[in-house]
Amino acid sequence: MAGKSYLRITKDVFSNRNILAIALTTSAFSLVEHGWRPFWNLYLKTELNASIPVLGLLAMIQSSERLLFQLPGGLLADRFGRRKIIVYGTALRIIPPLIFLLAADWRHVVPGLLINGAASIYMPAFNAIIADSLPEMERGAGFGAFRMITSIPTIISPLIGGAVMDALGYKEGVKVFLFLTVIVSILVTVVRSRVITETLVDNKPKTDKEEKRGIRASLAENFDLPRSMWIMVVVAVMGSFGVRMVREFLPIYAVEIVGLTNTQLGLVQATVGLITAALALPGGMVADRYGRKPLIIASRVITPLAMGGVTLANSFSAYYMVQSLSSIGDALGGGASNYAGGPAWNALVADLVEKSKRGTVMGTIGTVTGIFGAPSSMVGAWLWQNYSPNLPFQLSMVLGLIGAGIFALGVKEPRRKKSSD
């Protein structure tokens, strides 16, 4: 019965043209990017002469994407439609890997990071078009099915990436995958431009007064949100700061402190992908049946505990177990390791916010978390350099658990309707 239910939901979700196109193209991106992303900071450190503080600086620059582009992207998506923003943002993603390929020093990657930030302008439209395309009573399962399919490539590519890095070294290994990323980015842009259709259609005639409304009036209207939504923004900020403080240093900790090989690191990342793919759809179905809030709380408790557990791992097997636990928390869909995101989290945002505001709200979450989370990587680097590599992970755990408590006490899940909005 459960198997038939999984099959039916997956078939229903991917019968939608937009979701199928986005899922397949996102999977193509993941297939090549997860071959080099786990080893990117190791490449910067060993090949492009980046120190730990420099890695923190680069991470801060990269995180500015949410500060600069997420809110404008959300406003544009709600004002002019989702499709154009997605296509233009995807096209921009062709440029950064070209810059990274040519970089001979860590300073040379900065323009690529900035352009990659500009490309993130489409992320609110991306999340909104998925939410628009799912019926309300199956949003959790729908986001879960999407997450399941797009996680499958992450089972394979880190393993291949780790083996390639051990065989060729970081310099040649990363460049092989960067070249493949350029090719895939071009193909994905073409597919999205031809297949994705607009979901934000307003057939009501606009009055002259409505046509003349400016961005300020639009912002004021869109930010009239439920109290629970603002509490979720606060929780996302805390989670963002904690995760960004350690995320860029996790592969370095694994290789240089715990002592993993690149192949072992790839195996860990592949296991994370496998667990996420296996649990994402069941997690989304549970969120639809029993509510979003319990899964989000579980996710935002498990993931910080695993983050603190990294400091107790002194062998490959221990590190493997800790990261497997973290991936279970991530798969439950509370967005704890992705600042804000995940099936249960995104479904709750869609439940709380009407369709015409979703792009702006998702962009707002990205921007606010970007503002407060931008310096966190520098804080993590400073703590690593001046005190202990363990301290950033321990502080990340504390922040995450406090955020989980605020969410549990402050967020009220709305009653859902059976009809779609």
Protein backbone atom coordinates (compact mmCIF):
# COMPACT_ATOMS: atom_id res chain seq x y z
CA MET A 1 0.00 0.00 0.00
CA ALA A 2 2.76 2.39 0.95
CA GLY A 3 4.66 1.50 -2.23
CA LYS A 4 1.61 2.23 -4.36
CA SER A 5 1.14 5.50 -2.51
CA TYR A 6 4.75 6.54 -3.18
CA LEU A 7 4.37 5.62 -6.84
CA ARG A 8 1.09 7.50 -7.20
CA ILE A 9 2.40 10.66 -5.57
CA THR A 10 5.62 10.61 -7.58
CA LYS A 11 3.63 10.10 -10.80
CA ASP A 12 1.23 12.92 -9.92
CA VAL A 13 4.01 15.35 -9.04
CA PHE A 14 6.09 14.70 -12.14
CA SER A 15 3.12 14.74 -14.48
CA ASN A 16 3.43 18.52 -14.11
CA ARG A 17 5.58 19.84 -16.96
CA ASN A 18 7.29 22.53 -14.89
CA ILE A 19 8.25 20.28 -11.99
CA LEU A 20 9.52 17.56 -14.33
CA ALA A 21 11.68 20.05 -16.25
CA ILE A 22 13.04 21.68 -13.08
CA ALA A 23 13.73 18.31 -11.42
CA LEU A 24 15.61 16.88 -14.40
CA THR A 25 17.67 20.01 -14.99
CA THR A 26 18.46 20.39 -11.28
CA SER A 27 19.55 16.75 -11.24
CA ALA A 28 21.87 17.43 -14.18
CA PHE A 29 23.44 20.33 -12.28
CA SER A 30 23.82 18.18 -9.15
CA LEU A 31 25.46 15.36 -11.09
CA VAL A 32 28.41 17.52 -12.14
CA GLU A 33 28.56 20.03 -9.25
CA HIS A 34 28.70 17.40 -6.52
CA GLY A 35 31.75 15.95 -8.23
CA TRP A 36 33.80 19.03 -7.29
CA ARG A 37 31.90 21.03 -4.65
CA PRO A 38 32.92 18.80 -1.67
CA PHE A 39 36.57 19.41 -2.62
CA TRP A 40 36.36 23.09 -3.61
CA ASN A 41 37.80 24.54 -0.41
CA LEU A 42 40.53 21.92 -0.34
CA TYR A 43 41.35 22.99 -3.92
CA LEU A 44 41.39 26.68 -2.91
CA LYS A 45 43.63 25.94 0.05
CA THR A 46 46.14 23.65 -1.65
CA GLU A 47 46.19 24.99 -5.22
CA LEU A 48 45.14 28.67 -5.02
CA ASN A 49 46.93 29.57 -1.76
CA ALA A 50 43.85 30.38 0.33
CA SER A 51 44.34 30.32 4.11
CA ILE A 52 41.54 29.56 6.60
CA PRO A 53 40.75 33.30 7.09
CA VAL A 54 40.72 33.75 3.31
CA LEU A 55 38.30 30.84 2.95
CA GLY A 56 36.08 32.58 5.49
CA LEU A 57 36.27 35.79 3.46
CA LEU A 58 35.40 34.00 0.22
CA ALA A 59 32.47 32.30 1.91
CA MET A 60 31.27 35.69 3.16
CA ILE A 61 31.46 37.12 -0.36
CA GLN A 62 29.57 34.15 -1.72
CA SER A 63 26.88 34.44 0.94
CA SER A 64 26.26 38.05 -0.11
CA GLU A 65 24.18 36.56 -2.94
CA ARG A 66 21.23 36.34 -0.57
CA LEU A 67 21.78 39.86 0.69
CA LEU A 68 21.95 41.41 -2.78
CA PHE A 69 19.72 39.36 -5.03
CA GLN A 70 17.16 37.21 -3.21
CA LEU A 71 14.64 39.91 -2.30
CA PRO A 72 14.81 41.67 -5.71
CA GLY A 73 14.44 38.26 -7.32
CA GLY A 74 11.35 37.52 -5.25
CA LEU A 75 9.78 40.90 -6.05
CA LEU A 76 10.47 40.47 -9.77
CA ALA A 77 9.06 36.95 -9.71
CA ASP A 78 5.80 38.14 -8.13
CA ARG A 79 5.58 41.20 -10.34
CA PHE A 80 6.65 39.89 -13.77
CA GLY A 81 6.37 36.13 -13.47
CA ARG A 82 8.54 33.16 -12.55
CA ARG A 83 9.70 31.86 -15.93
CA LYS A 84 11.79 34.81 -17.18
CA ILE A 85 13.65 35.16 -13.90
CA ILE A 86 14.46 31.44 -13.84
CA VAL A 87 15.77 31.42 -17.42
CA TYR A 88 17.92 34.56 -17.04
CA GLY A 89 19.32 33.41 -13.69
CA THR A 90 20.15 29.98 -15.09
CA ALA A 91 21.97 31.58 -18.05
CA LEU A 92 24.17 33.55 -15.64
CA ARG A 93 25.31 30.26 -14.08
CA ILE A 94 27.31 29.51 -17.23
CA ILE A 95 29.89 32.20 -16.40
CA PRO A 96 31.26 31.35 -12.89
CA PRO A 97 32.75 27.92 -13.73
CA LEU A 98 34.54 29.52 -16.71
CA ILE A 99 36.13 32.04 -14.35
CA PHE A 100 37.04 29.31 -11.86
CA LEU A 101 38.71 27.32 -14.66
CA LEU A 102 41.01 30.23 -15.49
CA ALA A 103 41.82 31.21 -11.88
CA ALA A 104 45.50 30.96 -10.88
CA ASP A 105 45.06 32.50 -7.42
CA TRP A 106 42.21 32.70 -4.89
CA ARG A 107 41.69 36.39 -5.78
CA HIS A 108 40.74 35.41 -9.31
CA VAL A 109 37.67 33.45 -8.17
CA VAL A 110 36.02 36.51 -6.58
CA PRO A 111 34.34 37.73 -9.82
CA GLY A 112 32.93 34.25 -10.31
CA LEU A 113 31.50 34.25 -6.79
CA LEU A 114 29.86 37.63 -7.40
CA ILE A 115 28.30 36.51 -10.68
CA ASN A 116 27.15 33.31 -9.01
CA GLY A 117 25.47 35.54 -6.44
CA ALA A 118 23.71 37.46 -9.20
CA ALA A 119 22.50 34.17 -10.67
CA SER A 120 20.78 33.36 -7.38
CA ILE A 121 18.18 36.01 -8.27
CA TYR A 122 16.07 33.17 -9.66
CA MET A 123 15.90 31.06 -6.49
CA PRO A 124 12.70 32.65 -5.07
CA ALA A 125 11.00 32.20 -8.46
CA PHE A 126 12.32 28.64 -8.57
CA ASN A 127 10.78 27.73 -5.19
CA ALA A 128 7.59 29.67 -5.92
CA ILE A 129 6.93 27.95 -9.26
CA ILE A 130 7.23 24.55 -7.56
CA ALA A 131 4.82 25.62 -4.80
CA ASP A 132 2.42 27.07 -7.40
CA SER A 133 2.39 23.75 -9.26
CA LEU A 134 1.51 21.56 -6.25
CA PRO A 135 -1.94 21.00 -4.69
CA GLU A 136 -2.09 22.21 -1.08
CA MET A 137 -2.87 18.83 0.50
CA GLU A 138 0.13 17.22 -1.23
CA ARG A 139 2.69 20.02 -0.98
CA GLY A 140 4.87 18.21 1.54
CA ALA A 141 4.91 15.01 -0.50
CA GLY A 142 5.40 17.03 -3.69
CA PHE A 143 8.43 18.85 -2.35
CA GLY A 144 9.64 15.52 -0.96
CA ALA A 145 9.31 13.78 -4.33
CA PHE A 146 11.19 16.65 -5.97
CA ARG A 147 13.92 16.44 -3.33
CA MET A 148 14.12 12.66 -3.73
CA ILE A 149 14.69 12.82 -7.50
CA THR A 150 17.17 15.68 -7.34
CA SER A 151 19.15 13.93 -4.58
CA ILE A 152 19.79 10.78 -6.61
CA PRO A 153 22.80 12.26 -8.51
CA THR A 154 24.43 13.14 -5.17
CA ILE A 155 24.68 9.42 -4.44
CA ILE A 156 26.95 8.90 -7.43
CA SER A 157 28.94 12.05 -8.17
CA PRO A 158 30.78 12.53 -4.82
CA LEU A 159 32.09 8.97 -5.06
CA ILE A 160 33.35 9.61 -8.58
CA GLY A 161 34.70 13.00 -7.53
CA GLY A 162 36.63 11.56 -4.59
CA ALA A 163 38.22 8.88 -6.75
CA VAL A 164 39.13 11.45 -9.41
CA MET A 165 40.71 13.77 -6.81
CA ASP A 166 42.80 10.92 -5.38
CA ALA A 167 43.87 9.87 -8.90
CA LEU A 168 44.50 13.28 -10.52
CA GLY A 169 44.93 15.63 -7.59
CA TYR A 170 42.78 18.66 -6.78
CA LYS A 171 44.11 20.84 -9.60
CA GLU A 172 43.25 18.59 -12.53
CA GLY A 173 40.32 16.87 -10.85
CA VAL A 174 38.40 20.05 -10.07
CA LYS A 175 39.04 21.44 -13.55
CA VAL A 176 37.59 18.34 -15.20
CA PHE A 177 34.32 18.83 -13.34
CA LEU A 178 34.29 22.60 -13.90
CA PHE A 179 34.48 22.02 -17.66
CA LEU A 180 31.57 19.58 -17.45
CA THR A 181 29.64 22.14 -15.38
CA VAL A 182 29.94 24.71 -18.18
CA ILE A 183 28.55 22.25 -20.74
CA VAL A 184 25.66 21.20 -18.50
CA SER A 185 24.83 24.83 -17.63
CA ILE A 186 24.39 25.66 -21.32
CA LEU A 187 22.13 22.64 -21.88
CA VAL A 188 20.04 23.38 -18.78
CA THR A 189 19.50 26.99 -19.87
CA VAL A 190 18.22 25.87 -23.26
CA VAL A 191 15.88 23.26 -21.77
CA ARG A 192 14.41 25.63 -19.16
CA SER A 193 13.84 28.37 -21.71
CA ARG A 194 11.90 26.00 -23.97
CA VAL A 195 9.96 23.88 -21.49
CA ILE A 196 9.03 25.91 -18.39
CA THR A 197 5.67 27.69 -18.54
CA GLU A 198 4.45 30.61 -16.42
CA THR A 199 2.32 29.89 -13.33
CA LEU A 200 1.64 33.43 -12.10
CA VAL A 201 -1.30 34.40 -14.28
CA ASP A 202 -3.57 37.23 -13.17
CA ASN A 203 -6.64 37.54 -15.33
CA LYS A 204 -8.14 40.43 -13.33
CA PRO A 205 -7.90 43.76 -15.17
CA LYS A 206 -5.70 46.25 -13.35
CA THR A 207 -6.85 49.80 -12.67
CA ASP A 208 -4.66 52.80 -13.44
CA LYS A 209 -4.02 53.17 -9.74
CA GLU A 210 -2.79 49.59 -9.45
CA GLU A 211 -0.57 49.98 -12.51
CA LYS A 212 1.15 52.99 -10.94
CA ARG A 213 1.94 51.29 -7.66
CA GLY A 214 5.63 51.44 -6.89
CA ILE A 215 7.99 48.98 -5.32
CA ARG A 216 7.49 50.59 -1.89
CA ALA A 217 3.73 49.97 -1.93
CA SER A 218 4.27 46.45 -3.21
CA LEU A 219 6.74 45.76 -0.40
CA ALA A 220 4.36 47.09 2.26
CA GLU A 221 1.56 44.85 0.99
CA ASN A 222 3.72 41.76 0.60
CA PHE A 223 5.23 42.08 4.07
CA ASP A 224 1.84 41.99 5.79
CA LEU A 225 2.45 38.42 6.96
CA PRO A 226 1.30 36.13 9.80
CA ARG A 227 3.28 36.22 13.05
CA SER A 228 4.34 32.61 12.50
CA MET A 229 5.99 33.58 9.24
CA TRP A 230 8.14 36.23 10.91
CA ILE A 231 9.15 33.75 13.61
CA MET A 232 10.24 31.38 10.83
CA VAL A 233 12.40 34.19 9.43
CA VAL A 234 14.09 34.58 12.85
CA VAL A 235 14.67 30.81 13.05
CA ALA A 236 16.08 30.80 9.51
CA VAL A 237 18.49 33.61 10.48
CA MET A 238 19.79 31.64 13.47
CA GLY A 239 20.13 28.48 11.42
CA SER A 240 21.85 30.39 8.62
CA PHE A 241 24.43 31.89 10.94
CA GLY A 242 25.21 28.55 12.55
CA VAL A 243 25.48 26.55 9.33
CA ARG A 244 27.46 29.18 7.41
CA MET A 245 29.91 29.40 10.31
CA VAL A 246 31.13 25.83 9.67
CA ARG A 247 29.90 24.63 6.27
CA GLU A 248 32.90 25.79 4.26
CA PHE A 249 35.35 24.24 6.71
CA LEU A 250 33.69 20.83 7.05
CA PRO A 251 35.66 19.10 4.22
CA ILE A 252 38.92 20.54 5.57
CA TYR A 253 38.06 19.31 9.07
CA ALA A 254 37.27 15.86 7.67
CA VAL A 255 40.52 15.55 5.69
CA GLU A 256 43.01 17.42 7.87
CA ILE A 257 41.65 16.86 11.40
CA VAL A 258 39.83 13.51 11.23
CA GLY A 259 42.15 12.13 8.53
CA LEU A 260 39.79 11.05 5.76
CA THR A 261 40.98 10.43 2.21
CA ASN A 262 39.20 12.15 -0.67
CA THR A 263 37.56 8.84 -1.62
CA GLN A 264 36.28 8.41 1.94
CA LEU A 265 34.95 11.98 1.91
CA GLY A 266 33.19 11.20 -1.36
CA LEU A 267 31.68 8.07 0.21
CA VAL A 268 30.32 10.14 3.10
CA GLN A 269 28.75 12.63 0.68
CA ALA A 270 27.28 9.78 -1.38
CA THR A 271 25.70 8.29 1.74
CA VAL A 272 24.21 11.68 2.60
CA GLY A 273 22.66 11.76 -0.89
CA LEU A 274 21.35 8.21 -0.53
CA ILE A 275 19.67 8.89 2.82
CA THR A 276 18.17 12.14 1.54
CA ALA A 277 16.80 10.45 -1.58
CA ALA A 278 15.36 7.57 0.44
CA LEU A 279 13.66 9.66 3.15
CA ALA A 280 12.62 12.86 1.36
CA LEU A 281 9.34 11.53 -0.09
CA PRO A 282 8.26 9.60 3.06
CA GLY A 283 9.11 12.70 5.09
CA GLY A 284 6.97 14.87 2.84
CA MET A 285 4.07 12.41 3.07
CA VAL A 286 4.30 12.40 6.86
CA ALA A 287 4.29 16.22 6.79
CA ASP A 288 1.08 16.17 4.73
CA ARG A 289 -0.62 13.63 6.98
CA TYR A 290 0.50 14.68 10.46
CA GLY A 291 1.60 18.28 9.96
CA ARG A 292 4.71 20.19 8.93
CA LYS A 293 5.73 21.39 12.38
CA PRO A 294 6.80 18.07 14.02
CA LEU A 295 9.14 17.22 11.15
CA ILE A 296 10.66 20.69 11.10
CA ILE A 297 11.32 20.53 14.86
CA ALA A 298 12.92 17.08 14.53
CA SER A 299 15.08 18.28 11.63
CA ARG A 300 16.22 21.39 13.48
CA VAL A 301 17.15 19.36 16.57
CA ILE A 302 18.93 16.45 14.86
CA THR A 303 21.07 18.53 12.50
CA PRO A 304 22.65 20.81 15.15
CA LEU A 305 23.34 17.81 17.39
CA ALA A 306 25.14 16.15 14.50
CA MET A 307 27.09 19.36 13.89
CA GLY A 308 28.35 19.24 17.46
CA GLY A 309 29.00 15.53 17.06
CA VAL A 310 31.57 16.26 14.34
CA THR A 311 33.97 17.38 17.07
CA LEU A 312 33.74 13.95 18.73
CA ALA A 313 34.54 12.06 15.52
CA ASN A 314 38.14 10.80 15.55
CA SER A 315 37.92 8.19 12.79
CA PHE A 316 36.30 7.59 9.42
CA SER A 317 33.60 5.36 10.91
CA ALA A 318 32.67 7.92 13.58
CA TYR A 319 32.58 10.77 11.06
CA TYR A 320 30.50 8.59 8.72
CA MET A 321 27.93 7.94 11.47
CA VAL A 322 27.69 11.60 12.46
CA GLN A 323 27.16 12.77 8.88
CA SER A 324 24.60 10.01 8.31
CA LEU A 325 22.67 11.31 11.33
CA SER A 326 22.89 14.85 9.95
CA SER A 327 21.50 13.69 6.61
CA ILE A 328 18.50 12.10 8.37
CA GLY A 329 17.74 15.47 9.93
CA ASP A 330 18.15 17.16 6.56
CA ALA A 331 15.94 14.59 4.82
CA LEU A 332 13.08 15.25 7.25
CA GLY A 333 12.69 18.54 5.43
CA GLY A 334 13.08 21.19 8.11
CA GLY A 335 15.76 23.04 6.20
CA ALA A 336 18.19 22.99 9.12
CA SER A 337 21.27 22.48 6.94
CA ASN A 338 19.98 24.68 4.10
CA TYR A 339 19.20 27.85 6.10
CA ALA A 340 15.57 27.74 4.92
CA GLY A 341 14.30 25.04 2.66
CA GLY A 342 13.34 21.40 2.59
CA PRO A 343 9.96 19.79 1.85
CA ALA A 344 8.24 20.39 5.21
CA TRP A 345 9.65 23.91 5.60
CA ASN A 346 8.77 25.04 2.06
CA ALA A 347 5.31 23.47 2.36
CA LEU A 348 4.66 25.41 5.58
CA VAL A 349 5.79 28.66 3.94
CA ALA A 350 3.40 28.00 1.06
CA ASP A 351 0.59 27.23 3.56
CA LEU A 352 1.17 30.51 5.41
CA VAL A 353 1.60 32.79 2.39
CA GLU A 354 -0.80 33.42 -0.48
CA LYS A 355 0.34 32.63 -4.02
CA SER A 356 0.90 36.23 -5.15
CA LYS A 357 3.37 36.85 -2.29
CA ARG A 358 5.38 33.61 -2.29
CA GLY A 359 8.25 34.81 -4.44
CA THR A 360 8.71 37.94 -2.34
CA VAL A 361 8.50 36.07 0.97
CA MET A 362 10.97 33.39 -0.12
CA GLY A 363 13.25 36.15 -1.36
CA THR A 364 12.88 37.98 1.94
CA ILE A 365 13.93 34.91 3.91
CA GLY A 366 16.98 34.59 1.66
CA THR A 367 17.89 38.26 2.00
CA VAL A 368 17.44 38.52 5.76
CA THR A 369 19.38 35.30 6.39
CA GLY A 370 22.05 36.65 4.04
CA ILE A 371 22.36 39.93 5.92
CA PHE A 372 22.83 38.28 9.30
CA GLY A 373 24.65 35.21 8.02
CA ALA A 374 27.22 36.99 5.82
CA PRO A 375 29.87 37.52 8.56
CA SER A 376 29.38 34.06 10.08
CA SER A 377 32.05 32.36 7.97
CA MET A 378 34.56 34.99 9.09
CA VAL A 379 33.53 34.35 12.70
CA GLY A 380 34.02 30.62 12.15
CA ALA A 381 37.45 31.18 10.58
CA TRP A 382 38.51 33.46 13.47
CA LEU A 383 37.40 30.92 16.08
CA TRP A 384 39.16 28.11 14.16
CA GLN A 385 42.39 30.10 13.84
CA ASN A 386 42.56 31.67 17.29
CA TYR A 387 40.94 29.10 19.57
CA SER A 388 40.12 25.66 18.20
CA PRO A 389 38.72 24.05 15.02
CA ASN A 390 36.08 22.48 17.30
CA LEU A 391 34.66 25.74 18.67
CA PRO A 392 32.75 26.87 15.52
CA PHE A 393 30.95 23.51 15.34
CA GLN A 394 30.00 23.65 19.02
CA LEU A 395 28.65 27.20 18.71
CA SER A 396 26.74 26.19 15.56
CA MET A 397 25.06 23.43 17.57
CA VAL A 398 23.98 25.86 20.30
CA LEU A 399 22.50 28.35 17.82
CA GLY A 400 20.64 25.63 15.96
CA LEU A 401 19.08 24.20 19.11
CA ILE A 402 17.97 27.65 20.31
CA GLY A 403 16.35 28.22 16.91
CA ALA A 404 14.52 24.89 17.18
CA GLY A 405 13.14 25.93 20.55
CA ILE A 406 11.92 29.28 19.23
CA PHE A 407 10.22 27.53 16.32
CA ALA A 408 8.54 24.97 18.59
CA LEU A 409 7.16 27.61 20.93
CA GLY A 410 6.33 30.38 18.46
CA VAL A 411 5.07 28.92 15.17
CA LYS A 412 1.43 27.93 14.77
CA GLU A 413 0.66 25.69 11.81
CA PRO A 414 -2.45 26.77 9.87
CA ARG A 415 -5.39 24.50 9.16
CA ARG A 416 -5.15 23.28 5.58
CA LYS A 417 -7.93 23.19 3.02
CA LYS A 418 -8.58 20.29 0.69
CA SER A 419 -8.88 22.51 -2.38
CA SER A 420 -5.82 23.99 -4.02
CA ASP A 421 -5.28 27.72 -3.93
